[in-house]
C-alpha atoms as a PDB file:
ATOM      1  CA  MET A   1       0.049  -0.032   0.011  1.00  0.00           C
ATOM      2  CA  ASP A   2       1.335   3.366  -0.949  1.00  0.00           C
ATOM      3  CA  THR A   3       1.611   5.313   2.397  1.00  0.00           C
ATOM      4  CA  GLY A   4       2.937   8.471   0.627  1.00  0.00           C
ATOM      5  CA  ARG A   5      -0.472   9.510  -0.324  1.00  0.00           C
ATOM      6  CA  TYR A   6      -1.411  10.215   3.292  1.00  0.00           C
ATOM      7  CA  LEU A   7       1.727  12.100   4.349  1.00  0.00           C
ATOM      8  CA  PRO A   8       3.016  15.491   3.043  1.00  0.00           C
ATOM      9  CA  SER A   9       6.125  15.370   0.795  1.00  0.00           C
ATOM     10  CA  LYS A  10       9.233  16.787   2.285  1.00  0.00           C
ATOM     11  CA  GLN A  11      10.417  18.430  -1.024  1.00  0.00           C
ATOM     12  CA  PHE A  12       9.313  21.963  -1.153  1.00  0.00           C
ATOM     13  CA  SER A  13      11.237  24.723  -2.983  1.00  0.00           C
ATOM     14  CA  LEU A  14       8.860  27.275  -4.228  1.00  0.00           C
ATOM     15  CA  ILE A  15       9.177  29.551  -1.128  1.00  0.00           C
ATOM     16  CA  THR A  16      12.668  30.293  -2.394  1.00  0.00           C
ATOM     17  CA  ILE A  17      10.997  32.607  -5.113  1.00  0.00           C
ATOM     18  CA  SER A  18      10.357  35.258  -2.327  1.00  0.00           C
ATOM     19  CA  LEU A  19      14.069  35.243  -1.602  1.00  0.00           C
ATOM     20  CA  PHE A  20      15.008  35.732  -5.329  1.00  0.00           C
ATOM     21  CA  LEU A  21      12.353  38.257  -5.592  1.00  0.00           C
ATOM     22  CA  SER A  22      13.746  40.306  -2.787  1.00  0.00           C
ATOM     23  CA  ALA A  23      17.308  39.878  -3.978  1.00  0.00           C
ATOM     24  CA  GLY A  24      16.249  41.162  -7.438  1.00  0.00           C
ATOM     25  CA  LEU A  25      14.434  44.176  -6.023  1.00  0.00           C
ATOM     26  CA  VAL A  26      17.518  45.109  -3.784  1.00  0.00           C
ATOM     27  CA  PHE A  27      19.591  44.904  -6.971  1.00  0.00           C
ATOM     28  CA  ALA A  28      17.276  46.945  -9.242  1.00  0.00           C
ATOM     29  CA  ALA A  29      16.868  49.695  -6.605  1.00  0.00           C
ATOM     30  CA  GLU A  30      20.550  49.886  -5.885  1.00  0.00           C
ATOM     31  CA  HIS A  31      21.229  50.670  -9.590  1.00  0.00           C
ATOM     32  CA  ILE A  32      18.484  53.077  -9.889  1.00  0.00           C
ATOM     33  CA  HIS A  33      19.744  55.188  -7.092  1.00  0.00           C
ATOM     34  CA  LYS A  34      23.615  55.231  -7.552  1.00  0.00           C
ATOM     35  CA  PRO A  35      25.270  58.114  -5.736  1.00  0.00           C
ATOM     36  CA  SER A  36      28.136  59.961  -7.697  1.00  0.00           C
ATOM     37  CA  THR A  37      31.574  58.856  -6.424  1.00  0.00           C
ATOM     38  CA  GLY A  38      34.145  61.565  -5.617  1.00  0.00           C
ATOM     39  CA  SER A  39      37.842  61.257  -5.557  1.00  0.00           C
ATOM     40  CA  LEU A  40      39.711  61.392  -2.301  1.00  0.00           C
ATOM     41  CA  ALA A  41      42.949  63.642  -2.366  1.00  0.00           C
ATOM     42  CA  VAL A  42      45.402  62.967   0.562  1.00  0.00           C
ATOM     43  CA  ASP A  43      48.333  65.300   1.263  1.00  0.00           C
ATOM     44  CA  THR A  44      51.136  63.077   1.698  1.00  0.00           C
ATOM     45  CA  THR A  45      53.685  66.055   1.904  1.00  0.00           C
ATOM     46  CA  GLY A  46      52.967  67.121   5.448  1.00  0.00           C
ATOM     47  CA  ALA A  47      54.522  65.889   8.488  1.00  0.00           C
ATOM     48  CA  ALA A  48      53.381  62.731  10.336  1.00  0.00           C
ATOM     49  CA  PRO A  49      51.008  63.090  13.236  1.00  0.00           C
ATOM     50  CA  ALA A  50      52.771  63.846  16.357  1.00  0.00           C
ATOM     51  CA  GLY A  51      51.263  60.824  18.203  1.00  0.00           C
ATOM     52  CA  ALA A  52      48.710  58.166  18.027  1.00  0.00           C
ATOM     53  CA  GLY A  53      46.300  60.439  20.045  1.00  0.00           C
ATOM     54  CA  ASP A  54      46.155  62.835  17.142  1.00  0.00           C
ATOM     55  CA  TRP A  55      44.399  60.265  14.620  1.00  0.00           C
ATOM     56  CA  LYS A  56      40.949  61.853  14.966  1.00  0.00           C
ATOM     57  CA  ALA A  57      42.371  65.233  14.200  1.00  0.00           C
ATOM     58  CA  SER A  58      44.396  64.142  11.235  1.00  0.00           C
ATOM     59  CA  LEU A  59      41.250  62.312   9.891  1.00  0.00           C
ATOM     60  CA  GLU A  60      39.082  65.415  10.099  1.00  0.00           C
ATOM     61  CA  SER A  61      41.952  67.389   8.476  1.00  0.00           C
ATOM     62  CA  VAL A  62      42.011  64.878   5.503  1.00  0.00           C
ATOM     63  CA  GLN A  63      38.213  65.082   5.181  1.00  0.00           C
ATOM     64  CA  GLN A  64      38.364  68.872   5.028  1.00  0.00           C
ATOM     65  CA  ASN A  65      41.217  68.955   2.507  1.00  0.00           C
ATOM     66  CA  SER A  66      39.315  66.426   0.359  1.00  0.00           C
ATOM     67  CA  GLY A  67      36.057  68.499   0.082  1.00  0.00           C
ATOM     68  CA  ILE A  68      33.918  65.376   0.961  1.00  0.00           C
ATOM     69  CA  SER A  69      31.427  65.314   3.722  1.00  0.00           C
ATOM     70  CA  LEU A  70      29.004  62.665   4.803  1.00  0.00           C
ATOM     71  CA  PRO A  71      25.515  63.397   3.348  1.00  0.00           C
ATOM     72  CA  SER A  72      22.911  64.682   5.726  1.00  0.00           C
ATOM     73  CA  ALA A  73      20.474  62.080   6.729  1.00  0.00           C
ATOM     74  CA  PRO A  74      16.995  62.057   4.952  1.00  0.00           C
ATOM     75  CA  ASP A  75      14.063  63.564   6.785  1.00  0.00           C
ATOM     76  CA  GLN A  76      12.655  60.580   8.769  1.00  0.00           C
ATOM     77  CA  ASN A  77       9.175  62.145   8.580  1.00  0.00           C
ATOM     78  CA  THR A  78       9.431  62.063   4.790  1.00  0.00           C
ATOM     79  CA  VAL A  79      10.663  58.397   4.883  1.00  0.00           C
ATOM     80  CA  GLU A  80       7.857  57.296   7.162  1.00  0.00           C
ATOM     81  CA  GLY A  81       5.340  59.103   4.894  1.00  0.00           C
ATOM     82  CA  LEU A  82       6.739  57.129   1.989  1.00  0.00           C
ATOM     83  CA  LEU A  83       6.541  53.894   3.627  1.00  0.00           C
ATOM     84  CA  GLN A  84       2.986  54.552   4.449  1.00  0.00           C
ATOM     85  CA  ALA A  85       2.326  55.390   0.881  1.00  0.00           C
ATOM     86  CA  ALA A  86       3.890  52.129  -0.103  1.00  0.00           C
ATOM     87  CA  GLN A  87       1.187  50.011   1.491  1.00  0.00           C
ATOM     88  CA  SER A  88      -1.403  48.649  -0.690  1.00  0.00           C
ATOM     89  CA  ASN A  89      -3.712  45.572  -0.779  1.00  0.00           C
ATOM     90  CA  ASN A  90      -1.072  43.856  -3.035  1.00  0.00           C
ATOM     91  CA  LEU A  91       1.427  42.401  -0.890  1.00  0.00           C
ATOM     92  CA  THR A  92       4.139  42.165  -3.499  1.00  0.00           C
ATOM     93  CA  GLU A  93       3.781  45.823  -4.550  1.00  0.00           C
ATOM     94  CA  SER A  94       3.974  46.833  -0.699  1.00  0.00           C
ATOM     95  CA  VAL A  95       7.163  44.902  -0.208  1.00  0.00           C
ATOM     96  CA  SER A  96       8.885  45.986  -3.335  1.00  0.00           C
ATOM     97  CA  ARG A  97       8.018  49.659  -2.677  1.00  0.00           C
ATOM     98  CA  SER A  98       8.922  49.686   0.939  1.00  0.00           C
ATOM     99  CA  LEU A  99      12.244  47.862  -0.098  1.00  0.00           C
ATOM    100  CA  PHE A 100      13.065  50.574  -2.573  1.00  0.00           C
ATOM    101  CA  VAL A 101      12.144  53.335   0.003  1.00  0.00           C
ATOM    102  CA  ASN A 102      14.421  51.876   2.609  1.00  0.00           C
ATOM    103  CA  LEU A 103      17.172  51.257   0.282  1.00  0.00           C
ATOM    104  CA  VAL A 104      17.105  54.902  -0.998  1.00  0.00           C
ATOM    105  CA  ASN A 105      16.922  55.920   2.675  1.00  0.00           C
ATOM    106  CA  ALA A 106      20.169  53.903   3.397  1.00  0.00           C
ATOM    107  CA  LYS A 107      21.865  55.400   0.406  1.00  0.00           C
ATOM    108  CA  GLY A 108      21.055  58.847   1.490  1.00  0.00           C
ATOM    109  CA  GLN A 109      22.936  58.050   4.625  1.00  0.00           C
ATOM    110  CA  GLY A 110      26.028  56.756   2.853  1.00  0.00           C
ATOM    111  CA  LEU A 111      24.913  53.060   3.458  1.00  0.00           C
ATOM    112  CA  GLY A 112      23.120  50.529   1.224  1.00  0.00           C
ATOM    113  CA  SER A 113      25.953  48.698  -0.415  1.00  0.00           C
ATOM    114  CA  ASP A 114      27.151  46.816   2.339  1.00  0.00           C
ATOM    115  CA  ILE A 115      25.765  43.292   2.917  1.00  0.00           C
ATOM    116  CA  PRO A 116      24.537  43.884   6.546  1.00  0.00           C
ATOM    117  CA  THR A 117      22.449  46.919   5.528  1.00  0.00           C
ATOM    118  CA  GLN A 118      20.970  45.159   2.656  1.00  0.00           C
ATOM    119  CA  ASP A 119      20.100  41.990   4.807  1.00  0.00           C
ATOM    120  CA  GLN A 120      18.489  44.365   7.324  1.00  0.00           C
ATOM    121  CA  ILE A 121      16.439  46.006   4.460  1.00  0.00           C
ATOM    122  CA  VAL A 122      15.348  42.584   3.049  1.00  0.00           C
ATOM    123  CA  THR A 123      14.431  41.483   6.484  1.00  0.00           C
ATOM    124  CA  GLN A 124      12.159  44.352   7.159  1.00  0.00           C
ATOM    125  CA  ALA A 125      10.648  44.074   3.659  1.00  0.00           C
ATOM    126  CA  LEU A 126       9.780  40.265   4.162  1.00  0.00           C
ATOM    127  CA  SER A 127       8.468  40.934   7.862  1.00  0.00           C
ATOM    128  CA  GLN A 128       5.429  42.159   6.089  1.00  0.00           C
ATOM    129  CA  VAL A 129       4.623  38.707   4.723  1.00  0.00           C
ATOM    130  CA  PRO A 130       1.909  37.114   7.049  1.00  0.00           C
ATOM    131  CA  ALA A 131       2.797  34.185   9.229  1.00  0.00           C
ATOM    132  CA  SER A 132       0.822  31.116   9.047  1.00  0.00           C
ATOM    133  CA  ILE A 133      -2.193  31.697  11.191  1.00  0.00           C
ATOM    134  CA  ARG A 134      -4.129  28.668  12.283  1.00  0.00           C
ATOM    135  CA  THR A 135      -7.738  29.072  13.054  1.00  0.00           C
ATOM    136  CA  LYS A 136      -9.896  26.612  15.033  1.00  0.00           C
ATOM    137  CA  THR A 137     -12.927  25.619  13.348  1.00  0.00           C
ATOM    138  CA  TYR A 138     -13.772  22.784  15.572  1.00  0.00           C
ATOM    139  CA  PHE A 139     -13.416  22.425  19.471  1.00  0.00           C
ATOM    140  CA  THR A 140     -13.431  19.545  21.802  1.00  0.00           C
ATOM    141  CA  GLU A 141     -16.976  19.656  22.354  1.00  0.00           C
ATOM    142  CA  ASP A 142     -17.595  19.251  18.448  1.00  0.00           C
ATOM    143  CA  LEU A 143     -16.087  15.687  18.922  1.00  0.00           C
ATOM    144  CA  THR A 144     -17.943  12.526  19.706  1.00  0.00           C
ATOM    145  CA  LEU A 145     -15.851  11.192  22.536  1.00  0.00           C
ATOM    146  CA  THR A 146     -15.763   7.489  23.646  1.00  0.00           C
ATOM    147  CA  ASP A 147     -14.064   5.808  26.511  1.00  0.00           C
ATOM    148  CA  THR A 148     -10.513   4.553  25.778  1.00  0.00           C
ATOM    149  CA  SER A 149     -10.460   0.742  25.189  1.00  0.00           C
ATOM    150  CA  LYS A 150      -8.724  -1.617  22.833  1.00  0.00           C
ATOM    151  CA  THR A 151     -11.866  -1.965  21.058  1.00  0.00           C
ATOM    152  CA  SER A 152     -12.717   1.814  20.614  1.00  0.00           C
ATOM    153  CA  LEU A 153      -8.946   2.240  19.583  1.00  0.00           C
ATOM    154  CA  HIS A 154      -9.285  -0.520  16.826  1.00  0.00           C
ATOM    155  CA  ALA A 155     -12.591   0.785  15.485  1.00  0.00           C
ATOM    156  CA  TYR A 156     -11.119   4.354  15.370  1.00  0.00           C
ATOM    157  CA  GLY A 157      -8.054   3.279  13.509  1.00  0.00           C
ATOM    158  CA  ASN A 158     -10.168   1.449  10.766  1.00  0.00           C
ATOM    159  CA  ALA A 159     -12.555   4.176  10.576  1.00  0.00           C
ATOM    160  CA  VAL A 160     -10.050   6.962   9.874  1.00  0.00           C
ATOM    161  CA  MET A 161      -8.081   4.905   7.371  1.00  0.00           C
ATOM    162  CA  THR A 162     -11.355   3.972   5.614  1.00  0.00           C
ATOM    163  CA  VAL A 163     -12.130   7.820   5.097  1.00  0.00           C
ATOM    164  CA  LEU A 164      -8.715   8.330   3.723  1.00  0.00           C
ATOM    165  CA  GLN A 165      -8.612   5.262   1.510  1.00  0.00           C
ATOM    166  CA  LYS A 166     -12.042   6.339  -0.056  1.00  0.00           C
ATOM    167  CA  ASN A 167     -11.149  10.166  -0.617  1.00  0.00           C
ATOM    168  CA  SER A 168      -7.457  10.739  -0.609  1.00  0.00           C
ATOM    169  CA  ASN A 169      -5.419  10.483  -3.779  1.00  0.00           C
ATOM    170  CA  GLN A 170      -2.004  12.235  -3.682  1.00  0.00           C
ATOM    171  CA  GLU A 171      -3.674  15.789  -3.045  1.00  0.00           C
ATOM    172  CA  TYR A 172      -0.358  17.305  -1.932  1.00  0.00           C
ATOM    173  CA  ALA A 173       1.817  16.093  -5.115  1.00  0.00           C
ATOM    174  CA  LYS A 174      -0.958  17.333  -7.487  1.00  0.00           C
ATOM    175  CA  THR A 175      -1.382  20.616  -5.708  1.00  0.00           C
ATOM    176  CA  LEU A 176       2.461  21.381  -6.240  1.00  0.00           C
ATOM    177  CA  VAL A 177       2.355  20.276  -9.724  1.00  0.00           C
ATOM    178  CA  ILE A 178      -0.490  22.716 -10.531  1.00  0.00           C
ATOM    179  CA  ILE A 179       1.167  25.425  -8.690  1.00  0.00           C
ATOM    180  CA  ASP A 180       4.341  24.813 -10.584  1.00  0.00           C
ATOM    181  CA  ALA A 181       2.414  25.269 -13.809  1.00  0.00           C
ATOM    182  CA  VAL A 182       0.716  28.353 -12.672  1.00  0.00           C
ATOM    183  CA  THR A 183       3.955  30.135 -11.635  1.00  0.00           C
ATOM    184  CA  THR A 184       6.078  28.908 -14.614  1.00  0.00           C
ATOM    185  CA  LYS A 185       3.596  29.909 -17.274  1.00  0.00           C
ATOM    186  CA  ASN A 186       1.858  32.550 -15.500  1.00  0.00           C
ATOM    187  CA  ASP A 187      -1.279  30.858 -16.289  1.00  0.00           C
ATOM    188  CA  ALA A 188      -4.205  31.724 -13.947  1.00  0.00           C
ATOM    189  CA  THR A 189      -6.486  29.179 -15.889  1.00  0.00           C
ATOM    190  CA  GLN A 190      -4.580  26.303 -14.224  1.00  0.00           C
ATOM    191  CA  LEU A 191      -5.943  27.427 -10.857  1.00  0.00           C
ATOM    192  CA  GLU A 192      -9.242  25.798 -11.693  1.00  0.00           C
ATOM    193  CA  LEU A 193      -7.706  22.412 -11.317  1.00  0.00           C
ATOM    194  CA  LEU A 194      -7.186  23.152  -7.595  1.00  0.00           C
ATOM    195  CA  LYS A 195     -10.790  23.442  -6.736  1.00  0.00           C
ATOM    196  CA  PRO A 196     -11.634  19.511  -6.890  1.00  0.00           C
ATOM    197  CA  ILE A 197      -8.519  19.027  -4.603  1.00  0.00           C
ATOM    198  CA  GLN A 198      -9.849  21.743  -2.248  1.00  0.00           C
ATOM    199  CA  LYS A 199     -13.144  19.987  -2.131  1.00  0.00           C
ATOM    200  CA  THR A 200     -11.507  16.762  -1.378  1.00  0.00           C
ATOM    201  CA  TYR A 201      -9.723  18.200   1.696  1.00  0.00           C
ATOM    202  CA  LYS A 202     -13.117  19.689   2.936  1.00  0.00           C
ATOM    203  CA  HIS A 203     -14.818  16.293   2.558  1.00  0.00           C
ATOM    204  CA  ILE A 204     -12.184  14.636   4.477  1.00  0.00           C
ATOM    205  CA  SER A 205     -12.485  16.888   7.328  1.00  0.00           C
ATOM    206  CA  ASN A 206     -16.265  16.636   7.379  1.00  0.00           C
ATOM    207  CA  GLU A 207     -15.818  12.843   7.476  1.00  0.00           C
ATOM    208  CA  LEU A 208     -13.252  12.843  10.239  1.00  0.00           C
ATOM    209  CA  ILE A 209     -15.211  15.031  12.595  1.00  0.00           C
ATOM    210  CA  ALA A 210     -18.094  12.581  12.529  1.00  0.00           C
ATOM    211  CA  ILE A 211     -15.894   9.585  13.719  1.00  0.00           C
ATOM    212  CA  PRO A 212     -16.247   8.644  17.286  1.00  0.00           C
ATOM    213  CA  VAL A 213     -12.861   9.277  19.018  1.00  0.00           C
ATOM    214  CA  PRO A 214     -11.327   7.614  22.085  1.00  0.00           C
ATOM    215  CA  LYS A 215     -10.565  10.221  24.804  1.00  0.00           C
ATOM    216  CA  ILE A 216      -6.891   9.457  24.654  1.00  0.00           C
ATOM    217  CA  LEU A 217      -6.712  10.456  20.988  1.00  0.00           C
ATOM    218  CA  ALA A 218      -9.020  13.667  21.269  1.00  0.00           C
ATOM    219  CA  PRO A 219      -6.187  16.236  21.105  1.00  0.00           C
ATOM    220  CA  PHE A 220      -4.609  14.673  18.082  1.00  0.00           C
ATOM    221  CA  HIS A 221      -7.669  14.121  16.200  1.00  0.00           C
ATOM    222  CA  LEU A 222      -9.022  17.569  16.809  1.00  0.00           C
ATOM    223  CA  GLN A 223      -5.717  19.130  15.561  1.00  0.00           C
ATOM    224  CA  LEU A 224      -5.933  16.771  12.478  1.00  0.00           C
ATOM    225  CA  VAL A 225      -9.355  17.974  11.631  1.00  0.00           C
ATOM    226  CA  ASN A 226      -8.535  21.713  12.053  1.00  0.00           C
ATOM    227  CA  ASP A 227      -5.490  21.119   9.818  1.00  0.00           C
ATOM    228  CA  PHE A 228      -7.518  19.898   7.110  1.00  0.00           C
ATOM    229  CA  GLU A 229      -9.914  22.810   7.579  1.00  0.00           C
ATOM    230  CA  ASN A 230      -7.098  25.197   7.426  1.00  0.00           C
ATOM    231  CA  ILE A 231      -5.424  23.399   4.419  1.00  0.00           C
ATOM    232  CA  THR A 232      -8.814  23.843   2.724  1.00  0.00           C
ATOM    233  CA  ALA A 233      -8.841  27.606   3.278  1.00  0.00           C
ATOM    234  CA  THR A 234      -5.304  28.044   1.872  1.00  0.00           C
ATOM    235  CA  TYR A 235      -6.697  27.085  -1.554  1.00  0.00           C
ATOM    236  CA  ASP A 236      -8.613  30.294  -1.696  1.00  0.00           C
ATOM    237  CA  LYS A 237      -5.231  32.320  -1.278  1.00  0.00           C
ATOM    238  CA  PHE A 238      -3.623  30.445  -4.150  1.00  0.00           C
ATOM    239  CA  GLU A 239      -5.348  32.630  -6.668  1.00  0.00           C
ATOM    240  CA  ALA A 240      -3.025  35.628  -5.624  1.00  0.00           C
ATOM    241  CA  LEU A 241      -0.014  33.640  -7.276  1.00  0.00           C
ATOM    242  CA  VAL A 242      -0.546  35.529 -10.598  1.00  0.00           C
ATOM    243  CA  GLY A 243      -1.419  39.101  -9.500  1.00  0.00           C
ATOM    244  CA  ASP A 244       0.208  39.044  -6.115  1.00  0.00           C
ATOM    245  CA  PRO A 245       2.908  36.309  -6.164  1.00  0.00           C
ATOM    246  CA  LEU A 246       4.516  37.040  -2.752  1.00  0.00           C
ATOM    247  CA  ASN A 247       1.084  36.702  -1.313  1.00  0.00           C
ATOM    248  CA  GLY A 248       0.600  33.495  -3.107  1.00  0.00           C
ATOM    249  CA  ILE A 249       3.844  32.078  -1.917  1.00  0.00           C
ATOM    250  CA  ALA A 250       2.882  32.954   1.659  1.00  0.00           C
ATOM    251  CA  ALA A 251      -0.050  30.781   1.190  1.00  0.00           C
ATOM    252  CA  ILE A 252       2.080  27.985  -0.231  1.00  0.00           C
ATOM    253  CA  GLN A 253       4.243  28.165   2.941  1.00  0.00           C
ATOM    254  CA  GLN A 254       1.089  27.927   5.098  1.00  0.00           C
ATOM    255  CA  TYR A 255      -0.155  24.859   3.091  1.00  0.00           C
ATOM    256  CA  ARG A 256       3.333  23.192   3.463  1.00  0.00           C
ATOM    257  CA  THR A 257       3.268  23.903   7.348  1.00  0.00           C
ATOM    258  CA  LEU A 258      -0.127  22.746   7.739  1.00  0.00           C
ATOM    259  CA  THR A 259       0.330  19.403   5.807  1.00  0.00           C
ATOM    260  CA  GLN A 260       3.345  18.644   7.740  1.00  0.00           C
ATOM    261  CA  ASP A 261       1.552  19.249  11.191  1.00  0.00           C
ATOM    262  CA  ALA A 262      -1.309  16.826   9.849  1.00  0.00           C
ATOM    263  CA  GLY A 263       1.375  14.315   9.096  1.00  0.00           C
ATOM    264  CA  GLN A 264       2.795  14.600  12.507  1.00  0.00           C
ATOM    265  CA  MET A 265      -0.614  14.059  13.937  1.00  0.00           C
ATOM    266  CA  PHE A 266      -1.096  10.796  11.981  1.00  0.00           C
ATOM    267  CA  ILE A 267       2.298   9.594  13.400  1.00  0.00           C
ATOM    268  CA  ASN A 268       1.258  10.582  16.969  1.00  0.00           C
ATOM    269  CA  ILE A 269      -1.908   8.590  16.517  1.00  0.00           C
ATOM    270  CA  ALA A 270       0.000   5.514  15.122  1.00  0.00           C
ATOM    271  CA  GLN A 271       2.397   5.715  18.094  1.00  0.00           C
ATOM    272  CA  THR A 272      -0.526   5.631  20.406  1.00  0.00           C
ATOM    273  CA  PHE A 273      -1.783   2.343  18.784  1.00  0.00           C
ATOM    274  CA  GLN A 274       1.665   1.018  19.166  1.00  0.00           C
ATOM    275  CA  LYS A 275       1.869   1.782  22.892  1.00  0.00           C
ATOM    276  CA  ASN A 276      -1.566   0.233  23.559  1.00  0.00           C
ATOM    277  CA  ASP A 277      -0.733  -3.003  21.523  1.00  0.00           C
ATOM    278  CA  ILE A 278      -3.526  -2.267  19.082  1.00  0.00           C
ATOM    279  CA  ILE A 279      -2.917  -4.574  16.134  1.00  0.00           C
ATOM    280  CA  PHE A 280      -4.870  -4.449  12.703  1.00  0.00           C
ATOM    281  CA  ASN A 281      -5.017  -7.493  10.334  1.00  0.00           C
ATOM    282  CA  LYS A 282      -3.210  -7.033   7.107  1.00  0.00           C
ATOM    283  CA  ASP A 283      -6.710  -7.050   5.047  1.00  0.00           C
ATOM    284  CA  GLU A 284      -8.085  -4.160   7.470  1.00  0.00           C
ATOM    285  CA  PRO A 285      -7.811  -0.446   6.514  1.00  0.00           C
ATOM    286  CA  GLY A 286      -5.957   0.196   9.913  1.00  0.00           C
ATOM    287  CA  ALA A 287      -2.963  -1.885   8.850  1.00  0.00           C
ATOM    288  CA  THR A 288      -1.751   1.260   7.229  1.00  0.00           C
ATOM    289  CA  TRP A 289      -0.855   2.824  10.739  1.00  0.00           C
ATOM    290  CA  ALA A 290       2.109   0.318  10.995  1.00  0.00           C
ATOM    291  CA  PHE A 291       3.439   1.422   7.787  1.00  0.00           C
ATOM    292  CA  LEU A 292       3.382   5.136   8.824  1.00  0.00           C
ATOM    293  CA  LEU A 293       5.894   4.281  11.563  1.00  0.00           C
ATOM    294  CA  GLN A 294       8.169   2.213   9.329  1.00  0.00           C
ATOM    295  CA  SER A 295       8.384   5.391   7.006  1.00  0.00           C
ATOM    296  CA  GLN A 296       9.772   7.625   9.684  1.00  0.00           C
END
């Protein structure tokens, strides 16, 4: 039996698009705003400083003779105003605009070309990307709880795997293939192919919430059902991949995190069966639980 259809793949690289996007924006902004360079003339005919304590006076003298002075810092009120104006409903536009404003601000202070400053600017820009937010659709009182016994655990194990065998069919892999087609071809029509997969996730969560759950497994089962609910919700955000790619990538990251958590809940449940000596015959749906532990 192919257990890969029940667990999320560990291969996931699309989130690196955001890093390439940020690096590209820094590079473009840096070349748009290049300060003119001056030559530094140093008088080597004068006498050497009298002592090590005169280094500051010597440095100031060199700066005055060169005619070069540090630029005055930009008005921070103006900078804050530009950052506020950069915000929009499109996350990609907001991040790129604020990244450009911060880079120009750094350039105005004589910075911007060094790696630490650019790293800080990129970090500030990417901080606008929303973190994965898990909402609770279901609560403990929504579960049908039963006493914990070998019989109830055995029945639960078969019931959960029956739901997955009837409905699940490599949704994770199919989703990534469609997302790859959307991003590489910039083809929004491919997003329609995600709707049946979204419905499958929703149907699975509806089936799981109706299964009687032994009390010992209640926390794992509740998290599992809510993971499926939140996974379903991420599909609505995938539509941003074309018009607002950074927001779409954030949704992909949320999808990846949620599927990994759901996979961990399956492992936790399988370990509970093992600790309680729950054995399934090879012709039972619950036999898959043993394969999940072997695949770790």
